[in-house]
């Protein structure tokens, strides 16, 4: 990979500044996708969820329906997952479930198993502290479209700074 200042180019000619650790695992195909619920309080125009998942409280790991913790661990072991991306719907609507799954995965695979979470919510300090204590490595905020141009001074800015 060539490097000019802090912008890197790879063999495909793509340019980037850096990739987050979670993205590096995905790039390797080593990140399990853990869909923790299809429930969401938003109706985003860009939502890609199918009728099978949207507004349904279902859990999937790598496109496999999950009925038990053993199902999640099986999926992660089968792909030799180096990490997990937690998504949904809105995962934080099932906060206790998210905490449980983070704890389960960290216990099984250790601290080096990188876990990131996508949310369209603006989590409170307490929520962020709970996620961090469970072992969450990275959080990715996806504010609703109507907030995109007014993040400054918003609850999203507060959450971003706290995170």
N, C-alpha and C. Protein backbone atom coordinates (compact mmCIF):
# COMPACT_ATOMS: atom_id res chain seq x y z
N UNK A 1 0.85 -1.17 0.00
CA UNK A 1 0.00 0.00 0.00
C UNK A 1 0.90 1.24 0.00
N UNK A 2 0.67 2.13 -0.94
CA UNK A 2 1.43 3.38 -1.01
C UNK A 2 0.85 4.37 -0.01
N UNK A 3 1.69 5.30 0.44
CA UNK A 3 1.22 6.28 1.41
C UNK A 3 1.69 7.67 1.02
N UNK A 4 0.76 8.62 0.99
CA UNK A 4 1.07 10.02 0.73
C UNK A 4 0.47 10.81 1.87
N UNK A 5 1.33 11.48 2.66
CA UNK A 5 0.88 12.13 3.89
C UNK A 5 0.12 11.12 4.72
N UNK A 6 -1.14 11.40 5.06
CA UNK A 6 -1.89 10.41 5.84
C UNK A 6 -2.98 9.74 5.00
N UNK A 7 -2.94 9.93 3.69
CA UNK A 7 -3.91 9.28 2.80
C UNK A 7 -3.23 8.09 2.16
N UNK A 8 -3.88 6.93 2.26
CA UNK A 8 -3.32 5.70 1.73
C UNK A 8 -4.06 5.28 0.47
N UNK A 9 -3.35 4.62 -0.44
CA UNK A 9 -3.98 4.01 -1.60
C UNK A 9 -3.63 2.53 -1.59
N UNK A 10 -4.59 1.72 -2.01
CA UNK A 10 -4.31 0.29 -2.05
C UNK A 10 -4.19 -0.18 -3.49
N UNK A 11 -4.05 -1.49 -3.67
CA UNK A 11 -3.82 -2.06 -5.00
C UNK A 11 -4.98 -1.81 -5.96
N UNK A 12 -6.16 -1.53 -5.44
CA UNK A 12 -7.31 -1.26 -6.32
C UNK A 12 -7.37 0.20 -6.75
N UNK A 13 -6.54 1.05 -6.13
CA UNK A 13 -6.56 2.48 -6.43
C UNK A 13 -7.49 3.26 -5.51
N UNK A 14 -8.08 2.57 -4.51
CA UNK A 14 -8.96 3.25 -3.55
C UNK A 14 -8.14 4.10 -2.58
N UNK A 15 -8.70 5.20 -2.18
CA UNK A 15 -8.04 6.11 -1.24
C UNK A 15 -8.76 6.06 0.09
N UNK A 16 -8.01 6.16 1.18
CA UNK A 16 -8.60 6.24 2.50
C UNK A 16 -7.62 6.86 3.47
N UNK A 17 -8.13 7.33 4.58
CA UNK A 17 -7.26 7.82 5.65
C UNK A 17 -6.91 6.67 6.57
N UNK A 18 -7.89 5.88 6.97
CA UNK A 18 -7.67 4.69 7.79
C UNK A 18 -8.99 3.94 7.84
N UNK A 19 -8.91 2.72 8.23
CA UNK A 19 -10.12 1.95 8.50
C UNK A 19 -10.16 1.62 9.98
N UNK A 20 -11.33 1.74 10.57
CA UNK A 20 -11.51 1.37 11.97
C UNK A 20 -11.25 -0.13 12.11
N UNK A 21 -10.89 -0.55 13.33
CA UNK A 21 -10.60 -1.96 13.57
C UNK A 21 -11.75 -2.86 13.13
N UNK A 22 -12.97 -2.44 13.42
CA UNK A 22 -14.13 -3.23 13.00
C UNK A 22 -14.20 -3.38 11.49
N UNK A 23 -13.86 -2.33 10.76
CA UNK A 23 -13.87 -2.39 9.29
C UNK A 23 -12.77 -3.32 8.77
N UNK A 24 -11.64 -3.32 9.44
CA UNK A 24 -10.55 -4.21 9.02
C UNK A 24 -10.97 -5.67 9.13
N UNK A 25 -11.69 -6.02 10.19
CA UNK A 25 -12.20 -7.40 10.34
C UNK A 25 -13.20 -7.71 9.23
N UNK A 26 -14.08 -6.78 8.92
CA UNK A 26 -15.06 -7.00 7.85
C UNK A 26 -14.36 -7.18 6.51
N UNK A 27 -13.35 -6.36 6.26
CA UNK A 27 -12.60 -6.44 5.02
C UNK A 27 -12.00 -7.83 4.83
N UNK A 28 -11.62 -8.46 5.95
CA UNK A 28 -11.08 -9.82 5.91
C UNK A 28 -12.17 -10.88 5.81
N UNK A 29 -13.42 -10.48 5.95
CA UNK A 29 -14.52 -11.44 5.99
C UNK A 29 -14.57 -12.18 7.31
N UNK A 30 -14.05 -11.55 8.37
CA UNK A 30 -13.91 -12.21 9.66
C UNK A 30 -14.84 -11.64 10.72
N UNK A 31 -15.87 -10.93 10.31
CA UNK A 31 -16.79 -10.31 11.27
C UNK A 31 -18.18 -10.94 11.12
N UNK A 32 -18.69 -11.49 12.20
CA UNK A 32 -20.04 -12.03 12.20
C UNK A 32 -21.02 -10.87 12.30
N UNK A 33 -22.13 -10.96 11.57
CA UNK A 33 -23.18 -9.96 11.66
C UNK A 33 -24.25 -10.51 12.60
N UNK A 34 -24.48 -9.79 13.69
CA UNK A 34 -25.47 -10.21 14.68
C UNK A 34 -26.62 -9.20 14.67
N UNK A 35 -27.73 -9.62 14.10
CA UNK A 35 -28.94 -8.82 13.98
C UNK A 35 -29.78 -9.12 15.21
N UNK A 36 -29.89 -8.17 16.15
CA UNK A 36 -30.50 -8.47 17.45
C UNK A 36 -32.00 -8.19 17.54
N UNK A 37 -32.54 -7.39 16.65
CA UNK A 37 -33.99 -7.16 16.60
C UNK A 37 -34.30 -6.38 15.33
N UNK A 38 -35.49 -6.62 14.80
CA UNK A 38 -35.96 -5.84 13.66
C UNK A 38 -36.79 -4.66 14.09
N UNK A 39 -37.05 -4.55 15.39
CA UNK A 39 -37.84 -3.44 15.89
C UNK A 39 -37.03 -2.15 15.81
N UNK A 40 -37.73 -1.07 15.49
CA UNK A 40 -37.09 0.24 15.37
C UNK A 40 -38.18 1.29 15.51
N UNK A 41 -37.81 2.43 16.11
CA UNK A 41 -38.77 3.52 16.27
C UNK A 41 -38.78 4.46 15.06
N UNK A 42 -37.88 4.24 14.13
CA UNK A 42 -37.74 5.13 12.98
C UNK A 42 -38.34 4.47 11.72
N UNK A 43 -38.50 5.28 10.71
CA UNK A 43 -38.96 4.78 9.41
C UNK A 43 -38.07 5.42 8.34
N UNK A 44 -36.78 5.07 8.37
CA UNK A 44 -35.80 5.68 7.48
C UNK A 44 -36.03 5.27 6.03
N UNK A 45 -35.96 6.23 5.13
CA UNK A 45 -36.20 5.96 3.72
C UNK A 45 -35.18 4.98 3.15
N UNK A 46 -34.02 4.86 3.77
CA UNK A 46 -32.96 4.01 3.24
C UNK A 46 -32.89 2.65 3.93
N UNK A 47 -33.85 2.34 4.78
CA UNK A 47 -33.82 1.08 5.55
C UNK A 47 -33.88 -0.11 4.59
N UNK A 48 -32.90 -1.03 4.70
CA UNK A 48 -32.85 -2.17 3.78
C UNK A 48 -33.54 -3.43 4.32
N UNK A 49 -34.20 -3.35 5.46
CA UNK A 49 -34.75 -4.57 6.05
C UNK A 49 -35.88 -5.17 5.24
N UNK A 50 -35.86 -6.49 5.16
CA UNK A 50 -36.90 -7.23 4.45
C UNK A 50 -38.15 -7.34 5.33
N UNK A 51 -39.25 -7.76 4.73
CA UNK A 51 -40.48 -7.98 5.49
C UNK A 51 -40.30 -9.06 6.54
N UNK A 52 -39.35 -9.97 6.32
CA UNK A 52 -39.07 -11.05 7.26
C UNK A 52 -38.52 -10.50 8.58
N UNK A 53 -37.88 -9.32 8.54
CA UNK A 53 -37.22 -8.77 9.72
C UNK A 53 -37.79 -7.46 10.23
N UNK A 54 -38.22 -6.61 9.32
CA UNK A 54 -38.63 -5.25 9.71
C UNK A 54 -39.78 -5.28 10.71
N UNK A 55 -39.56 -4.58 11.84
CA UNK A 55 -40.55 -4.47 12.92
C UNK A 55 -40.93 -5.82 13.52
N UNK A 56 -40.00 -6.76 13.46
CA UNK A 56 -40.19 -8.07 14.09
C UNK A 56 -39.05 -8.31 15.06
N UNK A 57 -39.36 -8.83 16.21
CA UNK A 57 -38.33 -9.09 17.21
C UNK A 57 -37.72 -10.47 16.96
N UNK A 58 -36.79 -10.49 16.01
CA UNK A 58 -36.10 -11.73 15.62
C UNK A 58 -34.60 -11.50 15.73
N UNK A 59 -33.86 -12.60 15.88
CA UNK A 59 -32.40 -12.53 15.98
C UNK A 59 -31.81 -13.42 14.89
N UNK A 60 -30.81 -12.89 14.19
CA UNK A 60 -30.10 -13.61 13.15
C UNK A 60 -28.60 -13.43 13.36
N UNK A 61 -27.85 -14.44 13.03
CA UNK A 61 -26.38 -14.33 12.95
C UNK A 61 -25.99 -14.86 11.59
N UNK A 62 -25.34 -14.01 10.81
CA UNK A 62 -24.94 -14.40 9.45
C UNK A 62 -26.09 -15.03 8.68
N UNK A 63 -27.24 -14.40 8.71
CA UNK A 63 -28.42 -14.82 7.96
C UNK A 63 -29.09 -16.08 8.48
N UNK A 64 -28.61 -16.60 9.62
CA UNK A 64 -29.23 -17.78 10.23
C UNK A 64 -30.08 -17.34 11.42
N UNK A 65 -31.33 -17.81 11.47
CA UNK A 65 -32.17 -17.47 12.62
C UNK A 65 -31.55 -18.06 13.88
N UNK A 66 -31.57 -17.27 14.94
CA UNK A 66 -30.96 -17.67 16.22
C UNK A 66 -32.06 -17.95 17.23
N UNK A 67 -31.96 -19.11 17.86
CA UNK A 67 -32.92 -19.49 18.89
C UNK A 67 -32.26 -19.65 20.25
N UNK A 68 -30.91 -19.69 20.27
CA UNK A 68 -30.21 -19.89 21.54
C UNK A 68 -28.81 -19.28 21.45
N UNK A 69 -28.19 -19.14 22.62
CA UNK A 69 -26.80 -18.67 22.66
C UNK A 69 -25.89 -19.62 21.89
N UNK A 70 -26.17 -20.91 21.99
CA UNK A 70 -25.36 -21.92 21.29
C UNK A 70 -25.38 -21.68 19.78
N UNK A 71 -26.52 -21.23 19.25
CA UNK A 71 -26.61 -20.94 17.81
C UNK A 71 -25.67 -19.81 17.41
N UNK A 72 -25.59 -18.79 18.26
CA UNK A 72 -24.70 -17.66 17.97
C UNK A 72 -23.24 -18.12 18.00
N UNK A 73 -22.88 -18.85 19.03
CA UNK A 73 -21.49 -19.32 19.16
C UNK A 73 -21.12 -20.26 18.01
N UNK A 74 -22.06 -21.09 17.59
CA UNK A 74 -21.81 -22.00 16.47
C UNK A 74 -21.49 -21.20 15.20
N UNK A 75 -22.29 -20.17 14.93
CA UNK A 75 -22.06 -19.34 13.74
C UNK A 75 -20.68 -18.67 13.81
N UNK A 76 -20.33 -18.15 14.96
CA UNK A 76 -19.05 -17.46 15.12
C UNK A 76 -17.89 -18.45 14.96
N UNK A 77 -18.01 -19.62 15.54
CA UNK A 77 -16.95 -20.63 15.41
C UNK A 77 -16.82 -21.13 13.98
N UNK A 78 -17.94 -21.35 13.30
CA UNK A 78 -17.90 -21.86 11.93
C UNK A 78 -17.15 -20.94 10.98
N UNK A 79 -17.20 -19.65 11.24
CA UNK A 79 -16.52 -18.71 10.35
C UNK A 79 -15.21 -18.19 10.93
N UNK A 80 -14.81 -18.72 12.09
CA UNK A 80 -13.60 -18.24 12.77
C UNK A 80 -13.64 -16.72 12.94
N UNK A 81 -14.77 -16.23 13.46
CA UNK A 81 -14.99 -14.79 13.59
C UNK A 81 -13.94 -14.15 14.49
N UNK A 82 -13.37 -13.07 14.00
CA UNK A 82 -12.47 -12.24 14.80
C UNK A 82 -13.24 -11.14 15.50
N UNK A 83 -14.50 -10.98 15.11
CA UNK A 83 -15.31 -9.93 15.69
C UNK A 83 -16.76 -10.09 15.31
N UNK A 84 -17.57 -9.16 15.82
CA UNK A 84 -19.01 -9.17 15.59
C UNK A 84 -19.50 -7.74 15.40
N UNK A 85 -20.36 -7.55 14.41
CA UNK A 85 -21.05 -6.28 14.21
C UNK A 85 -22.49 -6.46 14.66
N UNK A 86 -22.93 -5.66 15.61
CA UNK A 86 -24.29 -5.75 16.13
C UNK A 86 -25.15 -4.71 15.43
N UNK A 87 -26.27 -5.17 14.89
CA UNK A 87 -27.12 -4.31 14.10
C UNK A 87 -28.58 -4.67 14.33
N UNK A 88 -29.45 -4.02 13.58
CA UNK A 88 -30.87 -4.30 13.67
C UNK A 88 -31.59 -3.61 12.53
N UNK A 89 -32.76 -3.39 12.69
CA UNK A 89 -33.59 -2.55 13.46
C UNK A 89 -32.70 -1.65 14.32
N UNK A 90 -33.18 -1.45 15.52
CA UNK A 90 -32.44 -0.64 16.49
C UNK A 90 -32.03 -1.53 17.66
N UNK A 91 -30.75 -1.93 17.69
CA UNK A 91 -30.30 -2.84 18.73
C UNK A 91 -30.51 -2.33 20.15
N UNK A 92 -30.40 -1.03 20.36
CA UNK A 92 -30.49 -0.52 21.73
C UNK A 92 -31.91 -0.57 22.29
N UNK A 93 -32.90 -0.88 21.46
CA UNK A 93 -34.23 -1.14 21.98
C UNK A 93 -34.25 -2.44 22.78
N UNK A 94 -33.26 -3.28 22.54
CA UNK A 94 -33.09 -4.54 23.27
C UNK A 94 -31.75 -4.50 24.02
N UNK A 95 -31.59 -3.45 24.83
CA UNK A 95 -30.33 -3.19 25.53
C UNK A 95 -29.84 -4.40 26.32
N UNK A 96 -30.71 -5.01 27.11
CA UNK A 96 -30.28 -6.15 27.93
C UNK A 96 -29.80 -7.31 27.06
N UNK A 97 -30.47 -7.53 25.94
CA UNK A 97 -30.07 -8.58 25.01
C UNK A 97 -28.69 -8.26 24.43
N UNK A 98 -28.47 -7.00 24.06
CA UNK A 98 -27.17 -6.58 23.51
C UNK A 98 -26.06 -6.82 24.54
N UNK A 99 -26.30 -6.40 25.77
CA UNK A 99 -25.31 -6.60 26.84
C UNK A 99 -25.02 -8.09 27.00
N UNK A 100 -26.07 -8.90 26.99
CA UNK A 100 -25.90 -10.35 27.13
C UNK A 100 -25.03 -10.91 26.00
N UNK A 101 -25.31 -10.51 24.76
CA UNK A 101 -24.56 -11.05 23.62
C UNK A 101 -23.10 -10.57 23.63
N UNK A 102 -22.87 -9.32 23.99
CA UNK A 102 -21.49 -8.83 24.08
C UNK A 102 -20.73 -9.65 25.12
N UNK A 103 -21.34 -9.82 26.28
CA UNK A 103 -20.72 -10.59 27.37
C UNK A 103 -20.46 -12.04 26.93
N UNK A 104 -21.44 -12.65 26.29
CA UNK A 104 -21.31 -14.03 25.80
C UNK A 104 -20.13 -14.17 24.84
N UNK A 105 -20.05 -13.27 23.87
CA UNK A 105 -18.99 -13.35 22.85
C UNK A 105 -17.61 -13.06 23.43
N UNK A 106 -17.52 -12.09 24.33
CA UNK A 106 -16.23 -11.78 24.95
C UNK A 106 -15.76 -12.95 25.83
N UNK A 107 -16.71 -13.58 26.53
CA UNK A 107 -16.35 -14.72 27.38
C UNK A 107 -15.84 -15.88 26.52
N UNK A 108 -16.49 -16.12 25.39
CA UNK A 108 -16.12 -17.24 24.52
C UNK A 108 -14.84 -16.99 23.74
N UNK A 109 -14.66 -15.77 23.24
CA UNK A 109 -13.55 -15.49 22.32
C UNK A 109 -12.48 -14.57 22.88
N UNK A 110 -12.71 -13.98 24.04
CA UNK A 110 -11.72 -13.12 24.66
C UNK A 110 -11.84 -11.66 24.26
N UNK A 111 -11.00 -10.85 24.90
CA UNK A 111 -11.02 -9.40 24.69
C UNK A 111 -10.71 -9.01 23.25
N UNK A 112 -9.93 -9.83 22.55
CA UNK A 112 -9.52 -9.46 21.20
C UNK A 112 -10.65 -9.59 20.17
N UNK A 113 -11.75 -10.26 20.54
CA UNK A 113 -12.92 -10.36 19.64
C UNK A 113 -13.54 -8.97 19.56
N UNK A 114 -13.38 -8.30 18.43
CA UNK A 114 -13.80 -6.91 18.27
C UNK A 114 -15.30 -6.83 18.02
N UNK A 115 -15.98 -6.05 18.85
CA UNK A 115 -17.43 -5.90 18.71
C UNK A 115 -17.78 -4.44 18.50
N UNK A 116 -18.51 -4.19 17.41
CA UNK A 116 -19.02 -2.84 17.20
C UNK A 116 -20.55 -2.91 17.08
N UNK A 117 -21.18 -1.78 17.29
CA UNK A 117 -22.64 -1.69 17.30
C UNK A 117 -23.07 -0.48 16.50
N UNK A 118 -24.11 -0.65 15.69
CA UNK A 118 -24.73 0.44 14.95
C UNK A 118 -25.98 0.89 15.69
N UNK A 119 -26.18 2.20 15.82
CA UNK A 119 -27.39 2.71 16.45
C UNK A 119 -27.83 4.01 15.79
N UNK A 120 -29.15 4.19 15.74
CA UNK A 120 -29.70 5.47 15.28
C UNK A 120 -30.17 6.29 16.47
N UNK A 121 -29.94 5.76 17.67
CA UNK A 121 -30.33 6.47 18.89
C UNK A 121 -29.16 7.32 19.39
N UNK A 122 -29.45 8.17 20.34
CA UNK A 122 -28.43 8.96 21.02
C UNK A 122 -28.36 8.42 22.45
N UNK A 123 -27.52 7.40 22.68
CA UNK A 123 -27.50 6.76 24.00
C UNK A 123 -27.04 7.71 25.11
N UNK A 124 -27.60 7.48 26.30
CA UNK A 124 -27.21 8.26 27.47
C UNK A 124 -25.84 7.81 27.96
N UNK A 125 -25.25 8.60 28.85
CA UNK A 125 -23.98 8.22 29.47
C UNK A 125 -24.08 6.86 30.12
N UNK A 126 -25.17 6.62 30.82
CA UNK A 126 -25.37 5.36 31.52
C UNK A 126 -25.38 4.18 30.53
N UNK A 127 -26.07 4.35 29.43
CA UNK A 127 -26.12 3.30 28.40
C UNK A 127 -24.74 3.07 27.82
N UNK A 128 -24.02 4.13 27.50
CA UNK A 128 -22.67 4.01 26.94
C UNK A 128 -21.73 3.33 27.94
N UNK A 129 -21.84 3.68 29.20
CA UNK A 129 -20.99 3.06 30.23
C UNK A 129 -21.29 1.57 30.35
N UNK A 130 -22.56 1.20 30.28
CA UNK A 130 -22.94 -0.21 30.34
C UNK A 130 -22.41 -1.00 29.17
N UNK A 131 -22.48 -0.42 27.98
CA UNK A 131 -21.94 -1.07 26.77
C UNK A 131 -20.43 -1.26 26.88
N UNK A 132 -19.75 -0.21 27.34
CA UNK A 132 -18.29 -0.29 27.50
C UNK A 132 -17.91 -1.32 28.55
N UNK A 133 -18.64 -1.35 29.65
CA UNK A 133 -18.34 -2.31 30.72
C UNK A 133 -18.53 -3.75 30.25
N UNK A 134 -19.51 -3.97 29.35
CA UNK A 134 -19.74 -5.31 28.82
C UNK A 134 -18.65 -5.72 27.84
N UNK A 135 -17.96 -4.72 27.25
CA UNK A 135 -16.87 -5.03 26.35
C UNK A 135 -17.03 -4.48 24.94
N UNK A 136 -18.04 -3.64 24.69
CA UNK A 136 -18.19 -3.07 23.35
C UNK A 136 -16.94 -2.27 23.00
N UNK A 137 -16.40 -2.51 21.81
CA UNK A 137 -15.17 -1.84 21.38
C UNK A 137 -15.42 -0.58 20.59
N UNK A 138 -16.54 -0.51 19.90
CA UNK A 138 -16.76 0.60 18.97
C UNK A 138 -18.26 0.79 18.79
N UNK A 139 -18.69 2.04 18.70
CA UNK A 139 -20.09 2.35 18.44
C UNK A 139 -20.16 3.26 17.23
N UNK A 140 -21.11 2.99 16.37
CA UNK A 140 -21.27 3.77 15.14
C UNK A 140 -22.66 4.40 15.15
N UNK A 141 -22.68 5.70 15.10
CA UNK A 141 -23.93 6.44 15.17
C UNK A 141 -24.48 6.70 13.78
N UNK A 142 -25.76 6.42 13.62
CA UNK A 142 -26.47 6.71 12.38
C UNK A 142 -27.70 7.54 12.72
N UNK A 143 -27.51 8.85 12.95
CA UNK A 143 -28.66 9.70 13.30
C UNK A 143 -29.70 9.69 12.18
N UNK A 144 -30.94 9.95 12.53
CA UNK A 144 -31.99 9.99 11.51
C UNK A 144 -31.72 11.13 10.52
N UNK A 145 -32.24 10.96 9.33
CA UNK A 145 -32.00 11.91 8.25
C UNK A 145 -32.32 13.34 8.64
N UNK A 146 -33.40 13.55 9.37
CA UNK A 146 -33.79 14.92 9.72
C UNK A 146 -32.83 15.59 10.71
N UNK A 147 -31.88 14.83 11.27
CA UNK A 147 -30.90 15.40 12.20
C UNK A 147 -29.54 15.64 11.54
N UNK A 148 -29.37 15.19 10.32
CA UNK A 148 -28.06 15.25 9.68
C UNK A 148 -27.46 16.65 9.63
N UNK A 149 -28.26 17.65 9.40
CA UNK A 149 -27.74 19.01 9.26
C UNK A 149 -27.80 19.82 10.55
N UNK A 150 -28.19 19.19 11.64
CA UNK A 150 -28.29 19.93 12.90
C UNK A 150 -27.79 19.09 14.07
N UNK A 151 -26.62 18.50 13.92
CA UNK A 151 -26.04 17.68 14.99
C UNK A 151 -25.45 18.52 16.11
N UNK A 152 -24.91 19.70 15.75
CA UNK A 152 -24.29 20.54 16.76
C UNK A 152 -25.31 20.96 17.81
N UNK A 153 -24.95 20.68 19.08
CA UNK A 153 -25.82 21.02 20.19
C UNK A 153 -26.95 20.02 20.43
N UNK A 154 -27.01 18.97 19.62
CA UNK A 154 -28.08 17.99 19.75
C UNK A 154 -27.70 16.88 20.71
N UNK A 155 -28.67 16.01 21.02
CA UNK A 155 -28.41 14.84 21.85
C UNK A 155 -27.40 13.91 21.18
N UNK A 156 -27.34 13.94 19.86
CA UNK A 156 -26.37 13.11 19.14
C UNK A 156 -24.94 13.61 19.37
N UNK A 157 -24.76 14.91 19.36
CA UNK A 157 -23.43 15.45 19.66
C UNK A 157 -23.03 15.07 21.08
N UNK A 158 -23.95 15.17 22.01
CA UNK A 158 -23.66 14.80 23.40
C UNK A 158 -23.23 13.34 23.48
N UNK A 159 -23.96 12.46 22.80
CA UNK A 159 -23.61 11.03 22.81
C UNK A 159 -22.27 10.76 22.14
N UNK A 160 -22.03 11.43 21.02
CA UNK A 160 -20.75 11.26 20.32
C UNK A 160 -19.59 11.66 21.20
N UNK A 161 -19.71 12.79 21.86
CA UNK A 161 -18.63 13.25 22.73
C UNK A 161 -18.45 12.34 23.94
N UNK A 162 -19.56 11.85 24.49
CA UNK A 162 -19.47 10.93 25.63
C UNK A 162 -18.84 9.60 25.23
N UNK A 163 -19.16 9.15 24.03
CA UNK A 163 -18.61 7.86 23.56
C UNK A 163 -17.12 7.97 23.38
